[in-house]
């Protein structure tokens, strides 16, 4: 049987959501018991305002609904919980297939900002992604008023590819967005320490 054009060009699956360890973090599949921590983090407008698809207010029921979706067996995506040595849920880093392209997204509870955790988590996720998907471009982006998130990407080699307007559910408004992308050959992992 000859494969269809869609099957020939269909992106490969990432496979199951992995466990990834770094110097200070564990990136792991989400658990239902993460719901309270997720709800607490995403009830903070300083976090939610930088995300396109998160509503305000955001409560425990929203977190449970999201966990049911990301833990579903049919998902081709990775949604990794960022946790510390005590298994405290600190945030999320994800790789999602959208419109046939792989996209990186992330957020971190505000109490952990400014300590390099997000850079560490994103680098580890991108390394694992390219091991699983060599030669595939990884897309991302940030709202234009989020320079800290753009620095996380630029340090790893992401290049600005354009700009767009994206609707932010939390802000209930269109927001200027900087589009970025990373090819494996441009990836610049930073050494630990």
N, C-alpha and C. Protein backbone atom coordinates (compact mmCIF):
# COMPACT_ATOMS: atom_id res chain seq x y z
N UNK A 1 0.84 -1.18 0.00
CA UNK A 1 0.00 0.00 0.00
C UNK A 1 0.89 1.24 0.00
N UNK A 2 0.65 2.17 -0.89
CA UNK A 2 1.41 3.41 -0.99
C UNK A 2 0.90 4.42 0.04
N UNK A 3 1.82 5.05 0.81
CA UNK A 3 1.37 6.03 1.81
C UNK A 3 0.82 7.28 1.12
N UNK A 4 -0.12 7.94 1.79
CA UNK A 4 -0.67 9.19 1.28
C UNK A 4 0.36 10.30 1.46
N UNK A 5 0.15 11.42 0.77
CA UNK A 5 1.03 12.57 0.90
C UNK A 5 1.08 13.04 2.35
N UNK A 6 -0.05 13.05 3.04
CA UNK A 6 -0.08 13.45 4.45
C UNK A 6 0.79 12.54 5.30
N UNK A 7 0.74 11.24 5.04
CA UNK A 7 1.54 10.30 5.83
C UNK A 7 3.03 10.49 5.56
N UNK A 8 3.38 10.79 4.32
CA UNK A 8 4.79 11.00 4.00
C UNK A 8 5.34 12.22 4.72
N UNK A 9 4.52 13.28 4.81
CA UNK A 9 4.98 14.53 5.41
C UNK A 9 4.57 14.69 6.87
N UNK A 10 3.93 13.70 7.44
CA UNK A 10 3.51 13.80 8.84
C UNK A 10 4.75 13.80 9.75
N UNK A 11 4.78 14.71 10.72
CA UNK A 11 5.92 14.74 11.63
C UNK A 11 5.95 13.50 12.50
N UNK A 12 7.14 13.05 12.83
CA UNK A 12 7.29 11.90 13.72
C UNK A 12 6.79 12.26 15.12
N UNK A 13 6.40 11.28 15.85
CA UNK A 13 5.94 11.50 17.22
C UNK A 13 7.12 11.71 18.14
N UNK A 14 6.92 12.51 19.15
CA UNK A 14 7.95 12.71 20.17
C UNK A 14 8.09 11.49 21.07
N UNK A 15 7.05 10.68 21.14
CA UNK A 15 7.06 9.56 22.07
C UNK A 15 6.57 10.01 23.43
N UNK A 16 6.62 9.12 24.41
CA UNK A 16 6.10 9.46 25.73
C UNK A 16 6.84 10.64 26.37
N UNK A 17 6.14 11.36 27.20
CA UNK A 17 6.74 12.48 27.94
C UNK A 17 7.88 11.94 28.81
N UNK A 18 9.09 12.47 28.65
CA UNK A 18 10.24 11.90 29.35
C UNK A 18 10.43 12.44 30.77
N UNK A 19 11.34 11.82 31.49
CA UNK A 19 11.92 12.36 32.73
C UNK A 19 13.29 12.89 32.34
N UNK A 20 13.59 14.12 32.71
CA UNK A 20 14.88 14.73 32.39
C UNK A 20 15.42 15.34 33.67
N UNK A 21 16.67 15.04 33.99
CA UNK A 21 17.30 15.62 35.18
C UNK A 21 18.35 16.63 34.76
N UNK A 22 18.44 17.73 35.50
CA UNK A 22 19.48 18.73 35.32
C UNK A 22 20.21 18.87 36.65
N UNK A 23 21.11 19.83 36.74
CA UNK A 23 21.85 20.03 37.98
C UNK A 23 20.93 20.32 39.16
N UNK A 24 19.86 21.08 38.93
CA UNK A 24 18.98 21.49 40.04
C UNK A 24 17.53 21.06 39.89
N UNK A 25 17.17 20.53 38.75
CA UNK A 25 15.76 20.31 38.45
C UNK A 25 15.48 18.89 37.97
N UNK A 26 14.21 18.51 38.11
CA UNK A 26 13.69 17.32 37.44
C UNK A 26 12.52 17.78 36.58
N UNK A 27 12.57 17.42 35.31
CA UNK A 27 11.47 17.67 34.40
C UNK A 27 10.78 16.33 34.24
N UNK A 28 9.47 16.30 34.50
CA UNK A 28 8.75 15.03 34.57
C UNK A 28 7.34 15.20 34.01
N UNK A 29 6.70 14.08 33.69
CA UNK A 29 5.28 14.16 33.32
C UNK A 29 4.46 14.72 34.50
N UNK A 30 3.39 15.39 34.16
CA UNK A 30 2.52 15.94 35.21
C UNK A 30 1.72 14.85 35.91
N UNK A 31 1.36 15.16 37.14
CA UNK A 31 0.52 14.30 37.95
C UNK A 31 -0.71 15.10 38.38
N UNK A 32 -1.78 14.41 38.68
CA UNK A 32 -3.00 15.10 39.09
C UNK A 32 -2.77 15.93 40.36
N UNK A 33 -1.85 15.49 41.20
CA UNK A 33 -1.61 16.25 42.44
C UNK A 33 -0.89 17.59 42.19
N UNK A 34 -0.50 17.86 40.93
CA UNK A 34 0.08 19.16 40.59
C UNK A 34 -0.99 20.24 40.42
N UNK A 35 -2.24 19.88 40.45
CA UNK A 35 -3.33 20.82 40.13
C UNK A 35 -3.31 22.06 41.02
N UNK A 36 -3.15 21.89 42.32
CA UNK A 36 -3.17 23.05 43.22
C UNK A 36 -2.02 24.01 42.93
N UNK A 37 -0.82 23.47 42.70
CA UNK A 37 0.33 24.33 42.41
C UNK A 37 0.15 25.06 41.08
N UNK A 38 -0.38 24.38 40.08
CA UNK A 38 -0.62 25.01 38.78
C UNK A 38 -1.64 26.14 38.93
N UNK A 39 -2.73 25.85 39.63
CA UNK A 39 -3.77 26.87 39.83
C UNK A 39 -3.23 28.07 40.59
N UNK A 40 -2.43 27.82 41.60
CA UNK A 40 -1.84 28.92 42.38
C UNK A 40 -0.93 29.77 41.50
N UNK A 41 -0.10 29.13 40.70
CA UNK A 41 0.82 29.87 39.83
C UNK A 41 0.07 30.68 38.78
N UNK A 42 -0.91 30.06 38.13
CA UNK A 42 -1.60 30.72 37.02
C UNK A 42 -2.70 31.68 37.47
N UNK A 43 -2.91 31.79 38.77
CA UNK A 43 -3.80 32.84 39.27
C UNK A 43 -3.05 34.17 39.41
N UNK A 44 -1.74 34.15 39.16
CA UNK A 44 -0.88 35.33 39.21
C UNK A 44 -0.89 36.01 37.84
N UNK A 45 -1.45 37.19 37.76
CA UNK A 45 -1.56 37.89 36.48
C UNK A 45 -0.19 38.17 35.86
N UNK A 46 0.86 38.33 36.67
CA UNK A 46 2.19 38.58 36.12
C UNK A 46 2.69 37.40 35.29
N UNK A 47 2.20 36.20 35.57
CA UNK A 47 2.53 35.03 34.77
C UNK A 47 1.55 34.90 33.61
N UNK A 48 0.27 34.92 33.93
CA UNK A 48 -0.78 34.68 32.94
C UNK A 48 -0.76 35.70 31.82
N UNK A 49 -0.40 36.93 32.09
CA UNK A 49 -0.41 37.97 31.06
C UNK A 49 0.59 37.69 29.95
N UNK A 50 1.57 36.83 30.22
CA UNK A 50 2.58 36.50 29.21
C UNK A 50 2.25 35.23 28.43
N UNK A 51 1.07 34.66 28.67
CA UNK A 51 0.65 33.42 28.02
C UNK A 51 -0.58 33.69 27.15
N UNK A 52 -0.64 33.05 26.01
CA UNK A 52 -1.72 33.34 25.07
C UNK A 52 -3.04 32.66 25.43
N UNK A 53 -2.99 31.43 25.95
CA UNK A 53 -4.21 30.63 26.04
C UNK A 53 -4.72 30.40 27.46
N UNK A 54 -4.20 31.10 28.45
CA UNK A 54 -4.60 30.87 29.84
C UNK A 54 -5.61 31.93 30.26
N UNK A 55 -6.79 31.50 30.71
CA UNK A 55 -7.83 32.46 31.11
C UNK A 55 -7.59 33.01 32.51
N UNK A 56 -8.24 34.12 32.78
CA UNK A 56 -8.29 34.69 34.14
C UNK A 56 -9.75 34.89 34.47
N UNK A 57 -10.18 34.54 35.66
CA UNK A 57 -9.38 33.87 36.69
C UNK A 57 -9.08 32.42 36.29
N UNK A 58 -8.06 31.86 36.94
CA UNK A 58 -7.65 30.48 36.69
C UNK A 58 -7.72 29.75 38.03
N UNK A 59 -8.51 28.69 38.07
CA UNK A 59 -8.70 27.97 39.33
C UNK A 59 -8.32 26.51 39.24
N UNK A 60 -8.54 25.80 40.32
CA UNK A 60 -8.18 24.38 40.39
C UNK A 60 -8.90 23.56 39.32
N UNK A 61 -10.18 23.85 39.06
CA UNK A 61 -10.91 23.11 38.03
C UNK A 61 -10.27 23.29 36.65
N UNK A 62 -9.77 24.51 36.37
CA UNK A 62 -9.07 24.74 35.10
C UNK A 62 -7.81 23.88 35.04
N UNK A 63 -7.08 23.80 36.15
CA UNK A 63 -5.86 22.99 36.20
C UNK A 63 -6.17 21.51 36.00
N UNK A 64 -7.23 21.02 36.63
CA UNK A 64 -7.62 19.61 36.47
C UNK A 64 -8.00 19.33 35.02
N UNK A 65 -8.77 20.23 34.40
CA UNK A 65 -9.13 20.06 32.99
C UNK A 65 -7.88 19.99 32.11
N UNK A 66 -6.92 20.89 32.35
CA UNK A 66 -5.70 20.91 31.57
C UNK A 66 -4.90 19.63 31.79
N UNK A 67 -4.78 19.18 33.04
CA UNK A 67 -4.05 17.95 33.34
C UNK A 67 -4.69 16.75 32.66
N UNK A 68 -6.00 16.68 32.64
CA UNK A 68 -6.67 15.58 31.94
C UNK A 68 -6.34 15.59 30.45
N UNK A 69 -6.26 16.78 29.88
CA UNK A 69 -5.96 16.90 28.45
C UNK A 69 -4.50 16.52 28.17
N UNK A 70 -3.54 17.05 28.94
CA UNK A 70 -2.13 16.78 28.63
C UNK A 70 -1.71 15.37 28.99
N UNK A 71 -2.43 14.74 29.91
CA UNK A 71 -2.11 13.37 30.27
C UNK A 71 -2.88 12.35 29.44
N UNK A 72 -3.65 12.85 28.48
CA UNK A 72 -4.41 11.96 27.60
C UNK A 72 -3.47 11.14 26.73
N UNK A 73 -3.87 9.94 26.44
CA UNK A 73 -3.03 9.01 25.69
C UNK A 73 -2.81 9.44 24.24
N UNK A 74 -3.71 10.24 23.68
CA UNK A 74 -3.61 10.59 22.27
C UNK A 74 -2.71 11.79 21.99
N UNK A 75 -2.21 12.46 23.02
CA UNK A 75 -1.43 13.68 22.82
C UNK A 75 -0.05 13.38 22.26
N UNK A 76 0.34 14.06 21.16
CA UNK A 76 1.70 13.88 20.63
C UNK A 76 2.71 14.79 21.32
N UNK A 77 2.25 15.60 22.27
CA UNK A 77 3.05 16.66 22.87
C UNK A 77 3.75 16.22 24.16
N UNK A 78 4.71 17.03 24.58
CA UNK A 78 5.32 16.91 25.91
C UNK A 78 4.92 18.12 26.72
N UNK A 79 4.39 17.91 27.91
CA UNK A 79 4.15 18.98 28.88
C UNK A 79 4.84 18.55 30.16
N UNK A 80 6.03 19.09 30.36
CA UNK A 80 6.87 18.68 31.47
C UNK A 80 6.69 19.59 32.68
N UNK A 81 6.48 18.99 33.83
CA UNK A 81 6.48 19.73 35.08
C UNK A 81 7.92 20.03 35.46
N UNK A 82 8.20 21.27 35.80
CA UNK A 82 9.50 21.66 36.31
C UNK A 82 9.41 21.52 37.82
N UNK A 83 10.26 20.67 38.41
CA UNK A 83 10.19 20.47 39.86
C UNK A 83 11.60 20.49 40.45
N UNK A 84 11.67 20.81 41.75
CA UNK A 84 12.95 20.86 42.43
C UNK A 84 13.23 19.54 43.15
N UNK A 85 14.27 19.51 43.97
CA UNK A 85 14.66 18.27 44.65
C UNK A 85 13.60 17.76 45.62
N UNK A 86 12.68 18.63 46.03
CA UNK A 86 11.58 18.22 46.92
C UNK A 86 10.29 17.94 46.15
N UNK A 87 10.37 17.86 44.83
CA UNK A 87 9.24 17.63 43.94
C UNK A 87 8.20 18.75 44.00
N UNK A 88 8.65 19.98 44.32
CA UNK A 88 7.77 21.14 44.29
C UNK A 88 7.55 21.53 42.84
N UNK A 89 6.30 21.66 42.43
CA UNK A 89 5.96 22.06 41.06
C UNK A 89 6.26 23.55 40.91
N UNK A 90 7.22 23.86 40.02
CA UNK A 90 7.68 25.23 39.84
C UNK A 90 7.14 25.88 38.57
N UNK A 91 6.79 25.07 37.58
CA UNK A 91 6.33 25.61 36.31
C UNK A 91 6.22 24.52 35.27
N UNK A 92 6.17 24.94 34.02
CA UNK A 92 5.94 24.02 32.90
C UNK A 92 6.84 24.42 31.73
N UNK A 93 7.35 23.42 31.04
CA UNK A 93 7.97 23.61 29.74
C UNK A 93 7.36 22.56 28.82
N UNK A 94 6.91 23.00 27.65
CA UNK A 94 6.19 22.08 26.77
C UNK A 94 6.68 22.19 25.34
N UNK A 95 6.48 21.11 24.62
CA UNK A 95 6.70 21.09 23.17
C UNK A 95 5.40 20.53 22.59
N UNK A 96 4.76 21.34 21.74
CA UNK A 96 3.45 20.99 21.19
C UNK A 96 3.48 21.03 19.67
N UNK A 97 2.77 20.11 19.07
CA UNK A 97 2.59 20.11 17.62
C UNK A 97 1.36 20.95 17.31
N UNK A 98 1.59 22.08 16.61
CA UNK A 98 0.50 22.98 16.22
C UNK A 98 0.64 23.32 14.75
N UNK A 99 -0.40 23.06 13.99
CA UNK A 99 -0.43 23.36 12.55
C UNK A 99 0.77 22.73 11.84
N UNK A 100 1.16 21.52 12.26
CA UNK A 100 2.23 20.79 11.61
C UNK A 100 3.64 21.21 12.01
N UNK A 101 3.78 22.14 12.96
CA UNK A 101 5.08 22.61 13.41
C UNK A 101 5.22 22.39 14.91
N UNK A 102 6.44 22.10 15.35
CA UNK A 102 6.69 21.91 16.79
C UNK A 102 6.97 23.26 17.44
N UNK A 103 6.29 23.51 18.57
CA UNK A 103 6.37 24.79 19.29
C UNK A 103 6.78 24.57 20.74
N UNK A 104 7.70 25.41 21.20
CA UNK A 104 8.15 25.41 22.59
C UNK A 104 7.41 26.49 23.35
N UNK A 105 6.94 26.15 24.55
CA UNK A 105 6.32 27.13 25.44
C UNK A 105 6.73 26.84 26.87
N UNK A 106 6.61 27.84 27.74
CA UNK A 106 7.04 27.65 29.13
C UNK A 106 6.52 28.78 30.02
N UNK A 107 6.43 28.46 31.30
CA UNK A 107 6.15 29.47 32.32
C UNK A 107 6.72 28.96 33.66
N UNK A 108 6.97 29.91 34.57
CA UNK A 108 7.56 29.60 35.87
C UNK A 108 6.86 30.42 36.94
N UNK A 109 6.57 29.77 38.07
CA UNK A 109 6.00 30.48 39.22
C UNK A 109 6.91 31.66 39.57
N UNK A 110 6.31 32.81 39.85
CA UNK A 110 7.08 34.04 40.06
C UNK A 110 8.07 33.94 41.21
N UNK A 111 7.80 33.11 42.22
CA UNK A 111 8.72 33.00 43.35
C UNK A 111 10.06 32.37 42.95
N UNK A 112 10.14 31.81 41.74
CA UNK A 112 11.39 31.18 41.26
C UNK A 112 12.08 32.00 40.17
N UNK A 113 11.54 33.16 39.83
CA UNK A 113 12.14 33.99 38.79
C UNK A 113 13.53 34.48 39.21
N UNK A 114 14.37 34.74 38.21
CA UNK A 114 15.65 35.39 38.44
C UNK A 114 16.77 34.49 38.95
N UNK A 115 16.58 33.18 38.92
CA UNK A 115 17.61 32.26 39.43
C UNK A 115 18.12 31.29 38.36
N UNK A 116 17.75 31.51 37.11
CA UNK A 116 18.24 30.69 36.02
C UNK A 116 17.53 29.36 35.84
N UNK A 117 16.45 29.13 36.59
CA UNK A 117 15.73 27.85 36.48
C UNK A 117 15.12 27.66 35.10
N UNK A 118 14.54 28.73 34.56
CA UNK A 118 13.87 28.57 33.27
C UNK A 118 14.88 28.28 32.18
N UNK A 119 16.01 28.97 32.18
CA UNK A 119 17.04 28.67 31.19
C UNK A 119 17.49 27.22 31.28
N UNK A 120 17.66 26.73 32.49
CA UNK A 120 18.08 25.34 32.71
C UNK A 120 17.03 24.35 32.18
N UNK A 121 15.77 24.62 32.48
CA UNK A 121 14.69 23.72 32.06
C UNK A 121 14.50 23.75 30.54
N UNK A 122 14.54 24.93 29.95
CA UNK A 122 14.35 25.04 28.50
C UNK A 122 15.51 24.37 27.77
N UNK A 123 16.73 24.61 28.22
CA UNK A 123 17.88 23.97 27.55
C UNK A 123 17.76 22.46 27.60
N UNK A 124 17.42 21.90 28.75
CA UNK A 124 17.31 20.44 28.87
C UNK A 124 16.21 19.89 27.97
N UNK A 125 15.10 20.61 27.87
CA UNK A 125 14.00 20.18 27.02
C UNK A 125 14.39 20.23 25.54
N UNK A 126 15.05 21.31 25.14
CA UNK A 126 15.47 21.46 23.75
C UNK A 126 16.50 20.39 23.39
N UNK A 127 17.44 20.11 24.29
CA UNK A 127 18.41 19.03 24.04
C UNK A 127 17.69 17.71 23.81
N UNK A 128 16.72 17.38 24.68
CA UNK A 128 15.99 16.13 24.53
C UNK A 128 15.18 16.12 23.24
N UNK A 129 14.57 17.27 22.91
CA UNK A 129 13.79 17.36 21.67
C UNK A 129 14.66 17.05 20.46
N UNK A 130 15.83 17.66 20.36
CA UNK A 130 16.69 17.44 19.19
C UNK A 130 17.27 16.03 19.15
N UNK A 131 17.44 15.39 20.30
CA UNK A 131 17.85 13.98 20.27
C UNK A 131 16.75 13.13 19.67
N UNK A 132 15.51 13.48 19.97
CA UNK A 132 14.36 12.71 19.49
C UNK A 132 13.97 13.09 18.07
N UNK A 133 14.18 14.36 17.71
CA UNK A 133 13.72 14.89 16.42
C UNK A 133 14.86 15.62 15.70
N UNK A 134 15.94 14.93 15.36
CA UNK A 134 17.05 15.62 14.69
C UNK A 134 16.61 16.22 13.36
N UNK A 135 17.12 17.41 13.10
CA UNK A 135 16.83 18.07 11.83
C UNK A 135 15.51 18.80 11.76
N UNK A 136 14.71 18.78 12.83
CA UNK A 136 13.42 19.44 12.85
C UNK A 136 13.58 20.83 13.46
N UNK A 137 12.92 21.83 12.89
CA UNK A 137 12.95 23.19 13.44
C UNK A 137 11.97 23.29 14.60
N UNK A 138 12.42 23.93 15.68
CA UNK A 138 11.57 24.18 16.85
C UNK A 138 11.19 25.65 16.85
N UNK A 139 9.90 25.92 16.90
CA UNK A 139 9.38 27.29 16.87
C UNK A 139 8.98 27.73 18.27
N UNK A 140 9.02 29.03 18.49
CA UNK A 140 8.57 29.59 19.76
C UNK A 140 8.26 31.06 19.55
N UNK A 141 8.35 31.82 20.60
CA UNK A 141 8.11 33.25 20.53
C UNK A 141 7.74 33.78 21.90
N UNK A 142 7.66 35.10 21.97
CA UNK A 142 7.34 35.77 23.24
C UNK A 142 6.50 36.99 22.93
N UNK A 143 5.74 37.42 23.91
CA UNK A 143 5.10 38.71 23.78
C UNK A 143 6.19 39.78 23.82
N UNK A 144 6.02 40.85 23.06
CA UNK A 144 7.05 41.87 22.91
C UNK A 144 7.42 42.53 24.24
N UNK A 145 6.53 42.49 25.21
CA UNK A 145 6.84 43.11 26.51
C UNK A 145 7.39 42.09 27.51
N UNK A 146 8.00 41.01 27.00
CA UNK A 146 8.60 39.98 27.85
C UNK A 146 10.06 39.74 27.44
N UNK A 147 10.94 40.73 27.66
CA UNK A 147 12.33 40.59 27.23
C UNK A 147 13.08 39.49 27.96
N UNK A 148 12.71 39.17 29.20
CA UNK A 148 13.41 38.10 29.93
C UNK A 148 13.22 36.76 29.24
N UNK A 149 12.02 36.50 28.76
CA UNK A 149 11.75 35.24 28.06
C UNK A 149 12.49 35.20 26.73
N UNK A 150 12.58 36.32 26.04
CA UNK A 150 13.32 36.36 24.79
C UNK A 150 14.80 36.07 25.04
N UNK A 151 15.37 36.58 26.14
CA UNK A 151 16.78 36.30 26.47
C UNK A 151 17.01 34.81 26.70
N UNK A 152 16.06 34.12 27.34
CA UNK A 152 16.18 32.67 27.55
C UNK A 152 16.37 31.99 26.19
N UNK A 153 15.58 32.37 25.21
CA UNK A 153 15.65 31.76 23.88
C UNK A 153 16.92 32.17 23.14
N UNK A 154 17.26 33.44 23.17
CA UNK A 154 18.43 33.90 22.43
C UNK A 154 19.72 33.25 22.92
N UNK A 155 19.84 33.02 24.22
CA UNK A 155 21.03 32.37 24.78
C UNK A 155 21.24 30.98 24.18
N UNK A 156 20.15 30.33 23.79
CA UNK A 156 20.23 28.97 23.25
C UNK A 156 20.33 28.94 21.73
N UNK A 157 20.24 30.10 21.09
CA UNK A 157 20.39 30.16 19.64
C UNK A 157 19.13 30.44 18.85
N UNK A 158 17.98 30.60 19.53
CA UNK A 158 16.75 30.94 18.81
C UNK A 158 16.95 32.27 18.08
N UNK A 159 16.46 32.34 16.86
CA UNK A 159 16.54 33.55 16.05
C UNK A 159 15.15 34.12 15.84
N UNK A 160 15.06 35.44 15.83
CA UNK A 160 13.80 36.12 15.54
C UNK A 160 13.48 35.90 14.07
N UNK A 161 12.27 35.44 13.80
CA UNK A 161 11.85 35.16 12.42
C UNK A 161 10.77 36.12 11.93
N UNK A 162 10.23 36.93 12.82
CA UNK A 162 9.19 37.87 12.43
C UNK A 162 8.41 38.34 13.63
N UNK A 163 7.32 38.99 13.35
CA UNK A 163 6.43 39.44 14.42
C UNK A 163 4.99 39.25 13.96
N UNK A 164 4.12 39.20 14.94
CA UNK A 164 2.70 38.99 14.65
C UNK A 164 1.88 39.58 15.78
N UNK A 165 0.60 39.50 15.63
CA UNK A 165 -0.33 39.87 16.69
C UNK A 165 -1.01 38.59 17.15
N UNK A 166 -1.00 38.34 18.45
CA UNK A 166 -1.58 37.13 19.03
C UNK A 166 -2.60 37.55 20.07
N UNK A 167 -3.74 36.87 20.09
CA UNK A 167 -4.74 37.16 21.10
C UNK A 167 -4.34 36.52 22.42
N UNK A 168 -4.30 37.31 23.48
CA UNK A 168 -4.04 36.84 24.83
C UNK A 168 -5.38 36.72 25.56
N UNK A 169 -5.74 35.50 25.93
CA UNK A 169 -7.01 35.28 26.65
C UNK A 169 -6.98 36.01 27.99
N UNK A 170 -5.86 35.91 28.71
CA UNK A 170 -5.76 36.56 30.02
C UNK A 170 -5.87 38.07 29.96
N UNK A 171 -5.31 38.67 28.92
CA UNK A 171 -5.38 40.12 28.75
C UNK A 171 -6.65 40.55 28.03
N UNK A 172 -7.30 39.58 27.35
CA UNK A 172 -8.47 39.86 26.54
C UNK A 172 -8.16 40.94 25.49
N UNK A 173 -7.00 40.75 24.84
CA UNK A 173 -6.56 41.75 23.86
C UNK A 173 -5.56 41.11 22.90
N UNK A 174 -5.40 41.75 21.75
CA UNK A 174 -4.33 41.38 20.83
C UNK A 174 -3.03 41.96 21.38
N UNK A 175 -1.95 41.16 21.28
CA UNK A 175 -0.66 41.57 21.85
C UNK A 175 0.42 41.35 20.79
N UNK A 176 1.37 42.28 20.71
CA UNK A 176 2.50 42.13 19.80
C UNK A 176 3.34 40.93 20.23
N UNK A 177 3.68 40.09 19.25
CA UNK A 177 4.39 38.84 19.53
C UNK A 177 5.63 38.78 18.65
N UNK A 178 6.75 38.38 19.23
CA UNK A 178 7.99 38.17 18.50
C UNK A 178 8.10 36.68 18.22
N UNK A 179 8.14 36.30 16.95
CA UNK A 179 8.22 34.90 16.54
C UNK A 179 9.69 34.49 16.47
N UNK A 180 10.00 33.28 16.96
CA UNK A 180 11.37 32.78 16.96
C UNK A 180 11.40 31.34 16.46
N UNK A 181 12.59 30.89 16.09
CA UNK A 181 12.77 29.50 15.66
C UNK A 181 14.21 29.09 15.93
N UNK A 182 14.40 27.78 16.08
CA UNK A 182 15.72 27.22 16.34
C UNK A 182 15.90 25.96 15.51
N UNK A 183 16.97 25.94 14.72
CA UNK A 183 17.39 24.74 14.02
C UNK A 183 18.47 24.08 14.85
N UNK A 184 18.56 22.78 14.76
CA UNK A 184 19.52 22.03 15.57
C UNK A 184 20.95 22.55 15.43
N UNK A 185 21.33 22.95 14.24
CA UNK A 185 22.69 23.45 14.01
C UNK A 185 22.99 24.76 14.71
N UNK A 186 21.96 25.53 15.05
CA UNK A 186 22.14 26.81 15.76
C UNK A 186 22.04 26.67 17.27
N UNK A 187 21.65 25.50 17.74
CA UNK A 187 21.45 25.28 19.18
C UNK A 187 22.78 25.42 19.91
N UNK A 188 22.79 26.27 20.95
CA UNK A 188 23.99 26.55 21.73
C UNK A 188 23.76 26.16 23.19
N UNK A 189 23.92 24.89 23.52
CA UNK A 189 23.76 24.51 24.93
C UNK A 189 24.86 25.15 25.77
N UNK A 190 24.49 25.58 26.94
CA UNK A 190 25.43 26.22 27.85
C UNK A 190 25.90 25.17 28.84
N UNK A 191 27.16 25.21 29.18
CA UNK A 191 27.68 24.23 30.12
C UNK A 191 27.18 24.53 31.53
N UNK A 192 27.00 23.45 32.31
CA UNK A 192 26.55 23.61 33.70
C UNK A 192 27.68 24.19 34.51
N UNK A 193 27.29 24.99 35.51
CA UNK A 193 28.28 25.52 36.41
C UNK A 193 28.56 26.88 36.12
